Amino acid sequence: MTSLTILETGPLATIQDAGRVGQASLGIPTSGACDRASYALANRLVGNRDGAAAIEVTFGGLVLHADADLTIAITGAPCPGVPLNAPAVIRSGQVLRLGPPRTGLRTYVAARGGIDVPPVLGSRSTDLLSGLGPAPLTAGQTLPVGCSYDVMPGVDLAPVADPPAGEVVVRVTPGPRRDWFTDAAWTTFTTQSYAVSSNSNRVGVRLDGKPLERARTGELASEGMTLGAIQIPPSGLPVIFLADHPVTGGYPVIAYLTDPEVNPCAQLRPGQPLRFI
């Protein structure tokens, strides 16, 4: 069987696919790729079927050894030293090194046939919050590559822009607990420029800025949570839920992002400015 050997992982590298969809009522999180658009593009470029598992790399540093000739595609945060947004063949014995990306945070490496690790509850995704799925990748690990795929799309290069390096602006929809905050707080929320906190991870993007004032006090009963929910904990500072978010939460949700708006948030670096409109 064709395989890839991990020589170095960088800060964090995990296996991700489309996630454990539709099981939140059982307490099972969805997880899956953080930047779903980049993940899906990588799979399409090598002719993989929807939901094939790929490698999600956080801030570069991944080093791979090809144990046989293999067609790959690399998308998302652009890492130097590797082909980007295009199918490419790595030869048996070749070593692939992903340098730190010039913009963005997460890069996706898809191999034709998909990463064929055993699924857990219907998905090969690593969920860092629940502990479901394969563990984060480690040096010396060998990843089997599957043999199930469709025809190649015949695309030489996908015309995709790099993740922005400056301020990112995303559109929000008022959430179910908008009335827990004052009108002045909503104005602050939709006008100030937040900074991404270094405490962000696959669970959520935490933001630094001016805290939001509540119109209501007291506790909120736990409610179901979805991808793109923006919670306001007691600090008054927003948290954008990403792929590994919990299925329930007890802090008010002031707003939501649609799925397409979540993708650029998954590429935000610590310190990068973000504004909601």
C-alpha atoms as a PDB file:
ATOM      1  CA  MET A   1       0.000   0.000   0.000  1.00  0.00           C
ATOM      2  CA  THR A   2       1.161   3.543  -0.778  1.00  0.00           C
ATOM      3  CA  SER A   3       2.083   5.533   2.310  1.00  0.00           C
ATOM      4  CA  LEU A   4       3.597   8.753   3.639  1.00  0.00           C
ATOM      5  CA  THR A   5       6.037   8.930   6.546  1.00  0.00           C
ATOM      6  CA  ILE A   6       5.945  11.919   8.892  1.00  0.00           C
ATOM      7  CA  LEU A   7       9.469  13.169   9.592  1.00  0.00           C
ATOM      8  CA  GLU A   8       8.475  16.381  11.405  1.00  0.00           C
ATOM      9  CA  THR A   9       5.053  17.740  12.367  1.00  0.00           C
ATOM     10  CA  GLY A  10       5.595  21.442  13.014  1.00  0.00           C
ATOM     11  CA  PRO A  11       3.464  23.037  15.792  1.00  0.00           C
ATOM     12  CA  LEU A  12       0.428  20.836  15.079  1.00  0.00           C
ATOM     13  CA  ALA A  13      -0.642  18.459  12.316  1.00  0.00           C
ATOM     14  CA  THR A  14      -3.841  16.391  12.386  1.00  0.00           C
ATOM     15  CA  ILE A  15      -5.941  14.201  10.123  1.00  0.00           C
ATOM     16  CA  GLN A  16      -9.192  15.908   9.100  1.00  0.00           C
ATOM     17  CA  ASP A  17     -12.144  15.131   6.852  1.00  0.00           C
ATOM     18  CA  ALA A  18     -15.703  16.483   6.579  1.00  0.00           C
ATOM     19  CA  GLY A  19     -16.406  15.558  10.210  1.00  0.00           C
ATOM     20  CA  ARG A  20     -18.904  13.500  12.213  1.00  0.00           C
ATOM     21  CA  VAL A  21     -21.958  15.108  10.703  1.00  0.00           C
ATOM     22  CA  GLY A  22     -25.442  14.898  12.218  1.00  0.00           C
ATOM     23  CA  GLN A  23     -24.609  13.367  15.599  1.00  0.00           C
ATOM     24  CA  ALA A  24     -24.729  16.445  17.860  1.00  0.00           C
ATOM     25  CA  SER A  25     -27.998  15.239  19.440  1.00  0.00           C
ATOM     26  CA  LEU A  26     -25.999  12.286  20.769  1.00  0.00           C
ATOM     27  CA  GLY A  27     -23.354  14.596  22.202  1.00  0.00           C
ATOM     28  CA  ILE A  28     -20.868  13.843  19.399  1.00  0.00           C
ATOM     29  CA  PRO A  29     -19.177  16.957  17.977  1.00  0.00           C
ATOM     30  CA  THR A  30     -18.760  17.421  14.228  1.00  0.00           C
ATOM     31  CA  SER A  31     -15.067  18.423  14.177  1.00  0.00           C
ATOM     32  CA  GLY A  32     -13.491  18.140  10.695  1.00  0.00           C
ATOM     33  CA  ALA A  33     -11.369  20.621   8.759  1.00  0.00           C
ATOM     34  CA  CYS A  34     -11.302  24.172  10.152  1.00  0.00           C
ATOM     35  CA  ASP A  35     -11.049  25.846   6.731  1.00  0.00           C
ATOM     36  CA  ARG A  36     -13.538  23.694   4.854  1.00  0.00           C
ATOM     37  CA  ALA A  37     -13.117  25.508   1.546  1.00  0.00           C
ATOM     38  CA  SER A  38      -9.354  24.904   1.428  1.00  0.00           C
ATOM     39  CA  TYR A  39      -9.791  21.293   2.539  1.00  0.00           C
ATOM     40  CA  ALA A  40     -12.409  20.617  -0.147  1.00  0.00           C
ATOM     41  CA  LEU A  41     -10.280  22.260  -2.846  1.00  0.00           C
ATOM     42  CA  ALA A  42      -7.260  20.101  -1.995  1.00  0.00           C
ATOM     43  CA  ASN A  43      -9.361  16.959  -2.395  1.00  0.00           C
ATOM     44  CA  ARG A  44     -10.919  18.136  -5.653  1.00  0.00           C
ATOM     45  CA  LEU A  45      -7.516  18.905  -7.170  1.00  0.00           C
ATOM     46  CA  VAL A  46      -6.417  15.272  -6.775  1.00  0.00           C
ATOM     47  CA  GLY A  47      -9.764  13.741  -7.753  1.00  0.00           C
ATOM     48  CA  ASN A  48     -10.671  12.526  -4.272  1.00  0.00           C
ATOM     49  CA  ARG A  49     -14.258  11.847  -3.349  1.00  0.00           C
ATOM     50  CA  ASP A  50     -16.117  14.144  -0.967  1.00  0.00           C
ATOM     51  CA  GLY A  51     -15.110  13.556   2.629  1.00  0.00           C
ATOM     52  CA  ALA A  52     -11.682  12.027   1.963  1.00  0.00           C
ATOM     53  CA  ALA A  53      -9.245  12.540   4.831  1.00  0.00           C
ATOM     54  CA  ALA A  54      -6.356  14.991   4.433  1.00  0.00           C
ATOM     55  CA  ILE A  55      -3.688  16.507   6.683  1.00  0.00           C
ATOM     56  CA  GLU A  56      -4.357  19.854   8.376  1.00  0.00           C
ATOM     57  CA  VAL A  57      -1.083  21.648   9.183  1.00  0.00           C
ATOM     58  CA  THR A  58      -0.941  24.559  11.630  1.00  0.00           C
ATOM     59  CA  PHE A  59       1.714  27.169  10.750  1.00  0.00           C
ATOM     60  CA  GLY A  60       3.811  24.940   8.541  1.00  0.00           C
ATOM     61  CA  GLY A  61       6.719  22.819   9.707  1.00  0.00           C
ATOM     62  CA  LEU A  62       5.423  19.515   8.335  1.00  0.00           C
ATOM     63  CA  VAL A  63       8.053  17.306   6.664  1.00  0.00           C
ATOM     64  CA  LEU A  64       6.858  14.262   4.679  1.00  0.00           C
ATOM     65  CA  HIS A  65       8.691  11.378   3.038  1.00  0.00           C
ATOM     66  CA  ALA A  66       7.015   9.737   0.045  1.00  0.00           C
ATOM     67  CA  ASP A  67       7.291   5.964   0.228  1.00  0.00           C
ATOM     68  CA  ALA A  68       6.012   5.664  -3.369  1.00  0.00           C
ATOM     69  CA  ASP A  69       5.068   7.962  -6.255  1.00  0.00           C
ATOM     70  CA  LEU A  70       2.032   9.960  -5.155  1.00  0.00           C
ATOM     71  CA  THR A  71      -0.191  12.756  -6.469  1.00  0.00           C
ATOM     72  CA  ILE A  72      -0.841  15.478  -3.896  1.00  0.00           C
ATOM     73  CA  ALA A  73      -2.347  18.951  -3.624  1.00  0.00           C
ATOM     74  CA  ILE A  74      -1.566  21.633  -1.031  1.00  0.00           C
ATOM     75  CA  THR A  75      -3.997  24.471  -0.300  1.00  0.00           C
ATOM     76  CA  GLY A  76      -4.845  27.037   2.372  1.00  0.00           C
ATOM     77  CA  ALA A  77      -2.087  29.032   4.059  1.00  0.00           C
ATOM     78  CA  PRO A  78       0.711  29.244   1.436  1.00  0.00           C
ATOM     79  CA  CYS A  79       3.865  27.502   2.662  1.00  0.00           C
ATOM     80  CA  PRO A  80       7.144  28.075   0.789  1.00  0.00           C
ATOM     81  CA  GLY A  81       8.993  25.131  -0.700  1.00  0.00           C
ATOM     82  CA  VAL A  82       5.955  23.224  -1.963  1.00  0.00           C
ATOM     83  CA  PRO A  83       3.534  23.469  -4.923  1.00  0.00           C
ATOM     84  CA  LEU A  84       0.372  25.408  -4.043  1.00  0.00           C
ATOM     85  CA  ASN A  85      -3.215  25.109  -5.280  1.00  0.00           C
ATOM     86  CA  ALA A  86      -2.242  22.620  -7.976  1.00  0.00           C
ATOM     87  CA  PRO A  87      -1.912  18.857  -8.341  1.00  0.00           C
ATOM     88  CA  ALA A  88       1.689  17.674  -8.188  1.00  0.00           C
ATOM     89  CA  VAL A  89       3.521  14.366  -8.167  1.00  0.00           C
ATOM     90  CA  ILE A  90       6.034  13.576  -5.462  1.00  0.00           C
ATOM     91  CA  ARG A  91       8.356  10.735  -6.311  1.00  0.00           C
ATOM     92  CA  SER A  92       9.257   7.733  -4.196  1.00  0.00           C
ATOM     93  CA  GLY A  93      11.932   8.773  -1.710  1.00  0.00           C
ATOM     94  CA  GLN A  94      11.238  12.498  -2.105  1.00  0.00           C
ATOM     95  CA  VAL A  95      11.011  14.675   1.006  1.00  0.00           C
ATOM     96  CA  LEU A  96       8.464  17.496   1.132  1.00  0.00           C
ATOM     97  CA  ARG A  97       9.041  20.393   3.548  1.00  0.00           C
ATOM     98  CA  LEU A  98       6.366  22.964   4.372  1.00  0.00           C
ATOM     99  CA  GLY A  99       7.937  26.209   5.563  1.00  0.00           C
ATOM    100  CA  PRO A 100       6.071  28.756   7.710  1.00  0.00           C
ATOM    101  CA  PRO A 101       3.232  30.257   5.641  1.00  0.00           C
ATOM    102  CA  ARG A 102       3.571  33.850   4.492  1.00  0.00           C
ATOM    103  CA  THR A 103      -0.091  34.504   5.355  1.00  0.00           C
ATOM    104  CA  GLY A 104      -2.801  32.483   7.053  1.00  0.00           C
ATOM    105  CA  LEU A 105      -2.477  29.723   9.620  1.00  0.00           C
ATOM    106  CA  ARG A 106      -3.740  26.363   8.324  1.00  0.00           C
ATOM    107  CA  THR A 107      -2.548  24.405   5.279  1.00  0.00           C
ATOM    108  CA  TYR A 108      -4.139  21.259   3.811  1.00  0.00           C
ATOM    109  CA  VAL A 109      -2.264  18.372   2.208  1.00  0.00           C
ATOM    110  CA  ALA A 110      -4.436  15.951   0.230  1.00  0.00           C
ATOM    111  CA  ALA A 111      -3.087  12.739  -1.309  1.00  0.00           C
ATOM    112  CA  ARG A 112      -4.883  11.031  -4.183  1.00  0.00           C
ATOM    113  CA  GLY A 113      -6.845   8.230  -2.505  1.00  0.00           C
ATOM    114  CA  GLY A 114      -7.102  10.001   0.849  1.00  0.00           C
ATOM    115  CA  ILE A 115      -5.372   9.302   4.152  1.00  0.00           C
ATOM    116  CA  ASP A 116      -6.666   5.842   5.029  1.00  0.00           C
ATOM    117  CA  VAL A 117      -6.540   5.725   8.827  1.00  0.00           C
ATOM    118  CA  PRO A 118      -9.367   3.854  10.637  1.00  0.00           C
ATOM    119  CA  PRO A 119     -12.541   5.947  11.056  1.00  0.00           C
ATOM    120  CA  VAL A 120     -13.993   6.589  14.508  1.00  0.00           C
ATOM    121  CA  LEU A 121     -17.779   7.029  14.634  1.00  0.00           C
ATOM    122  CA  GLY A 122     -17.881   7.554  10.891  1.00  0.00           C
ATOM    123  CA  SER A 123     -15.029  10.051  10.559  1.00  0.00           C
ATOM    124  CA  ARG A 124     -11.241  10.121  10.403  1.00  0.00           C
ATOM    125  CA  SER A 125     -11.098  13.602  11.953  1.00  0.00           C
ATOM    126  CA  THR A 126      -9.010  14.416  14.999  1.00  0.00           C
ATOM    127  CA  ASP A 127     -11.207  16.224  17.543  1.00  0.00           C
ATOM    128  CA  LEU A 128      -8.928  17.916  20.058  1.00  0.00           C
ATOM    129  CA  LEU A 129     -11.782  18.850  22.425  1.00  0.00           C
ATOM    130  CA  SER A 130     -13.479  15.453  22.783  1.00  0.00           C
ATOM    131  CA  GLY A 131     -10.428  13.292  22.083  1.00  0.00           C
ATOM    132  CA  LEU A 132     -12.226  11.385  19.338  1.00  0.00           C
ATOM    133  CA  GLY A 133     -10.408  10.234  16.221  1.00  0.00           C
ATOM    134  CA  PRO A 134      -6.705   9.693  15.588  1.00  0.00           C
ATOM    135  CA  ALA A 135      -4.165  11.426  17.806  1.00  0.00           C
ATOM    136  CA  PRO A 136      -2.242  14.419  16.408  1.00  0.00           C
ATOM    137  CA  LEU A 137       0.526  13.311  14.079  1.00  0.00           C
ATOM    138  CA  THR A 138       3.966  12.467  15.456  1.00  0.00           C
ATOM    139  CA  ALA A 139       7.413  12.178  13.909  1.00  0.00           C
ATOM    140  CA  GLY A 140       8.108   8.697  12.569  1.00  0.00           C
ATOM    141  CA  GLN A 141       4.440   7.906  11.968  1.00  0.00           C
ATOM    142  CA  THR A 142       3.462   6.231   8.689  1.00  0.00           C
ATOM    143  CA  LEU A 143       0.149   7.173   7.077  1.00  0.00           C
ATOM    144  CA  PRO A 144      -1.468   4.739   4.621  1.00  0.00           C
ATOM    145  CA  VAL A 145      -2.951   6.251   1.466  1.00  0.00           C
ATOM    146  CA  GLY A 146      -6.160   4.764   0.085  1.00  0.00           C
ATOM    147  CA  CYS A 147      -6.964   3.693  -3.454  1.00  0.00           C
ATOM    148  CA  SER A 148     -10.512   5.032  -3.839  1.00  0.00           C
ATOM    149  CA  TYR A 149     -10.829   8.136  -6.023  1.00  0.00           C
ATOM    150  CA  ASP A 150     -12.429   9.631  -9.127  1.00  0.00           C
ATOM    151  CA  VAL A 151     -10.921  11.024 -12.333  1.00  0.00           C
ATOM    152  CA  MET A 152      -8.499  13.921 -12.070  1.00  0.00           C
ATOM    153  CA  PRO A 153     -10.228  17.262 -12.741  1.00  0.00           C
ATOM    154  CA  GLY A 154      -7.712  18.410 -15.360  1.00  0.00           C
ATOM    155  CA  VAL A 155      -6.900  21.642 -13.506  1.00  0.00           C
ATOM    156  CA  ASP A 156      -3.315  22.893 -13.634  1.00  0.00           C
ATOM    157  CA  LEU A 157      -3.738  25.667 -11.070  1.00  0.00           C
ATOM    158  CA  ALA A 158      -6.716  26.802  -8.990  1.00  0.00           C
ATOM    159  CA  PRO A 159      -7.112  30.618  -9.004  1.00  0.00           C
ATOM    160  CA  VAL A 160      -7.334  31.045  -5.229  1.00  0.00           C
ATOM    161  CA  ALA A 161      -6.218  34.131  -3.316  1.00  0.00           C
ATOM    162  CA  ASP A 162      -3.949  33.756  -0.295  1.00  0.00           C
ATOM    163  CA  PRO A 163      -5.512  34.398   3.130  1.00  0.00           C
ATOM    164  CA  PRO A 164      -5.239  38.132   3.871  1.00  0.00           C
ATOM    165  CA  ALA A 165      -2.425  39.391   6.074  1.00  0.00           C
ATOM    166  CA  GLY A 166      -4.230  42.523   7.322  1.00  0.00           C
ATOM    167  CA  GLU A 167      -7.649  43.171   8.793  1.00  0.00           C
ATOM    168  CA  VAL A 168     -10.299  40.560   7.991  1.00  0.00           C
ATOM    169  CA  VAL A 169     -13.933  41.687   7.758  1.00  0.00           C
ATOM    170  CA  VAL A 170     -16.730  39.118   8.128  1.00  0.00           C
ATOM    171  CA  ARG A 171     -20.495  39.492   7.986  1.00  0.00           C
ATOM    172  CA  VAL A 172     -22.585  38.391  10.976  1.00  0.00           C
ATOM    173  CA  THR A 173     -26.270  37.722  11.618  1.00  0.00           C
ATOM    174  CA  PRO A 174     -27.750  38.641  15.021  1.00  0.00           C
ATOM    175  CA  GLY A 175     -27.899  35.593  17.255  1.00  0.00           C
ATOM    176  CA  PRO A 176     -30.665  34.230  19.514  1.00  0.00           C
ATOM    177  CA  ARG A 177     -29.287  36.111  22.552  1.00  0.00           C
ATOM    178  CA  ARG A 178     -28.736  39.500  20.936  1.00  0.00           C
ATOM    179  CA  ASP A 179     -31.220  40.926  23.493  1.00  0.00           C
ATOM    180  CA  TRP A 180     -28.860  39.999  26.323  1.00  0.00           C
ATOM    181  CA  PHE A 181     -26.662  42.936  25.244  1.00  0.00           C
ATOM    182  CA  THR A 182     -27.250  46.674  25.115  1.00  0.00           C
ATOM    183  CA  ASP A 183     -27.630  48.540  21.845  1.00  0.00           C
ATOM    184  CA  ALA A 184     -24.346  50.265  22.639  1.00  0.00           C
ATOM    185  CA  ALA A 185     -22.701  46.848  22.989  1.00  0.00           C
ATOM    186  CA  TRP A 186     -24.038  45.771  19.575  1.00  0.00           C
ATOM    187  CA  THR A 187     -22.654  48.980  18.051  1.00  0.00           C
ATOM    188  CA  THR A 188     -19.289  48.275  19.673  1.00  0.00           C
ATOM    189  CA  PHE A 189     -19.410  44.681  18.451  1.00  0.00           C
ATOM    190  CA  THR A 190     -20.023  45.708  14.835  1.00  0.00           C
ATOM    191  CA  THR A 191     -17.659  48.685  14.666  1.00  0.00           C
ATOM    192  CA  GLN A 192     -14.526  47.991  16.685  1.00  0.00           C
ATOM    193  CA  SER A 193     -11.494  46.164  15.333  1.00  0.00           C
ATOM    194  CA  TYR A 194     -10.706  43.148  17.506  1.00  0.00           C
ATOM    195  CA  ALA A 195      -7.314  41.442  17.775  1.00  0.00           C
ATOM    196  CA  VAL A 196      -7.027  37.650  17.621  1.00  0.00           C
ATOM    197  CA  SER A 197      -5.846  36.237  20.951  1.00  0.00           C
ATOM    198  CA  SER A 198      -2.942  33.815  21.238  1.00  0.00           C
ATOM    199  CA  ASN A 199      -5.335  31.549  23.203  1.00  0.00           C
ATOM    200  CA  SER A 200      -7.189  30.665  19.995  1.00  0.00           C
ATOM    201  CA  ASN A 201      -7.231  27.074  18.746  1.00  0.00           C
ATOM    202  CA  ARG A 202      -9.373  24.610  16.780  1.00  0.00           C
ATOM    203  CA  VAL A 203     -12.169  25.027  19.331  1.00  0.00           C
ATOM    204  CA  GLY A 204     -12.531  28.747  18.742  1.00  0.00           C
ATOM    205  CA  VAL A 205     -11.005  32.092  17.857  1.00  0.00           C
ATOM    206  CA  ARG A 206     -10.761  34.216  21.003  1.00  0.00           C
ATOM    207  CA  LEU A 207     -10.700  37.975  20.515  1.00  0.00           C
ATOM    208  CA  ASP A 208      -9.200  40.872  22.463  1.00  0.00           C
ATOM    209  CA  GLY A 209     -10.828  44.308  22.505  1.00  0.00           C
ATOM    210  CA  LYS A 210     -13.359  46.402  24.394  1.00  0.00           C
ATOM    211  CA  PRO A 211     -15.685  44.147  26.452  1.00  0.00           C
ATOM    212  CA  LEU A 212     -19.389  44.142  25.588  1.00  0.00           C
ATOM    213  CA  GLU A 213     -21.945  45.337  28.130  1.00  0.00           C
ATOM    214  CA  ARG A 214     -24.830  43.039  28.989  1.00  0.00           C
ATOM    215  CA  ALA A 215     -28.418  44.217  29.152  1.00  0.00           C
ATOM    216  CA  ARG A 216     -29.332  41.187  31.256  1.00  0.00           C
ATOM    217  CA  THR A 217     -27.591  39.479  34.150  1.00  0.00           C
ATOM    218  CA  GLY A 218     -27.892  35.962  35.462  1.00  0.00           C
ATOM    219  CA  GLU A 219     -27.164  32.559  34.054  1.00  0.00           C
ATOM    220  CA  LEU A 220     -28.287  31.031  30.788  1.00  0.00           C
ATOM    221  CA  ALA A 221     -29.269  27.377  30.515  1.00  0.00           C
ATOM    222  CA  SER A 222     -27.023  25.352  28.216  1.00  0.00           C
ATOM    223  CA  GLU A 223     -28.113  25.466  24.584  1.00  0.00           C
ATOM    224  CA  GLY A 224     -27.085  23.686  21.424  1.00  0.00           C
ATOM    225  CA  MET A 225     -24.133  25.271  19.616  1.00  0.00           C
ATOM    226  CA  THR A 226     -23.205  25.285  15.953  1.00  0.00           C
ATOM    227  CA  LEU A 227     -20.190  26.118  13.841  1.00  0.00           C
ATOM    228  CA  GLY A 228     -19.824  29.898  13.557  1.00  0.00           C
ATOM    229  CA  ALA A 229     -21.642  30.748  16.803  1.00  0.00           C
ATOM    230  CA  ILE A 230     -20.133  33.801  18.529  1.00  0.00           C
ATOM    231  CA  GLN A 231     -20.374  33.396  22.292  1.00  0.00           C
ATOM    232  CA  ILE A 232     -19.771  36.138  24.842  1.00  0.00           C
ATOM    233  CA  PRO A 233     -18.371  34.691  28.104  1.00  0.00           C
ATOM    234  CA  PRO A 234     -18.203  36.731  31.368  1.00  0.00           C
ATOM    235  CA  SER A 235     -15.103  38.569  30.074  1.00  0.00           C
ATOM    236  CA  GLY A 236     -17.349  40.318  27.524  1.00  0.00           C
ATOM    237  CA  LEU A 237     -14.982  39.318  24.692  1.00  0.00           C
ATOM    238  CA  PRO A 238     -16.206  37.227  21.746  1.00  0.00           C
ATOM    239  CA  VAL A 239     -15.277  33.628  20.974  1.00  0.00           C
ATOM    240  CA  ILE A 240     -15.959  32.359  17.435  1.00  0.00           C
ATOM    241  CA  PHE A 241     -16.658  28.622  17.472  1.00  0.00           C
ATOM    242  CA  LEU A 242     -14.582  26.636  14.976  1.00  0.00           C
ATOM    243  CA  ALA A 243     -14.536  22.948  14.044  1.00  0.00           C
ATOM    244  CA  ASP A 244     -13.863  21.441  17.499  1.00  0.00           C
ATOM    245  CA  HIS A 245     -16.516  23.493  19.334  1.00  0.00           C
ATOM    246  CA  PRO A 246     -18.658  21.811  22.020  1.00  0.00           C
ATOM    247  CA  VAL A 247     -22.195  20.710  21.141  1.00  0.00           C
ATOM    248  CA  THR A 248     -23.698  22.832  23.948  1.00  0.00           C
ATOM    249  CA  GLY A 249     -22.787  26.071  25.687  1.00  0.00           C
ATOM    250  CA  GLY A 250     -24.040  28.223  28.532  1.00  0.00           C
ATOM    251  CA  TYR A 251     -22.932  31.691  27.446  1.00  0.00           C
ATOM    252  CA  PRO A 252     -25.156  33.931  25.278  1.00  0.00           C
ATOM    253  CA  VAL A 253     -24.633  33.823  21.514  1.00  0.00           C
ATOM    254  CA  ILE A 254     -24.707  37.398  20.248  1.00  0.00           C
ATOM    255  CA  ALA A 255     -24.296  36.552  16.558  1.00  0.00           C
ATOM    256  CA  TYR A 256     -23.572  33.870  13.980  1.00  0.00           C
ATOM    257  CA  LEU A 257     -21.286  33.530  11.007  1.00  0.00           C
ATOM    258  CA  THR A 258     -22.475  31.602   7.962  1.00  0.00           C
ATOM    259  CA  ASP A 259     -20.316  28.633   6.937  1.00  0.00           C
ATOM    260  CA  PRO A 260     -18.452  30.552   4.172  1.00  0.00           C
ATOM    261  CA  GLU A 261     -17.568  33.306   6.666  1.00  0.00           C
ATOM    262  CA  VAL A 262     -16.061  30.770   9.088  1.00  0.00           C
ATOM    263  CA  ASN A 263     -13.335  29.770   6.613  1.00  0.00           C
ATOM    264  CA  PRO A 264     -11.376  33.067   6.721  1.00  0.00           C
ATOM    265  CA  CYS A 265     -11.645  33.042  10.524  1.00  0.00           C
ATOM    266  CA  ALA A 266      -9.940  29.621  10.540  1.00  0.00           C
ATOM    267  CA  GLN A 267      -6.925  31.288   8.885  1.00  0.00           C
ATOM    268  CA  LEU A 268      -6.542  34.108  11.422  1.00  0.00           C
ATOM    269  CA  ARG A 269      -3.210  34.437  13.207  1.00  0.00           C
ATOM    270  CA  PRO A 270      -2.683  35.699  16.776  1.00  0.00           C
ATOM    271  CA  GLY A 271      -2.601  39.491  16.745  1.00  0.00           C
ATOM    272  CA  GLN A 272      -4.387  39.798  13.396  1.00  0.00           C
ATOM    273  CA  PRO A 273      -7.250  42.342  13.343  1.00  0.00           C
ATOM    274  CA  LEU A 274     -10.845  41.227  12.737  1.00  0.00           C
ATOM    275  CA  ARG A 275     -13.993  43.287  12.311  1.00  0.00           C
ATOM    276  CA  PHE A 276     -17.653  42.233  12.191  1.00  0.00           C
ATOM    277  CA  ILE A 277     -20.256  43.918  10.000  1.00  0.00           C
END
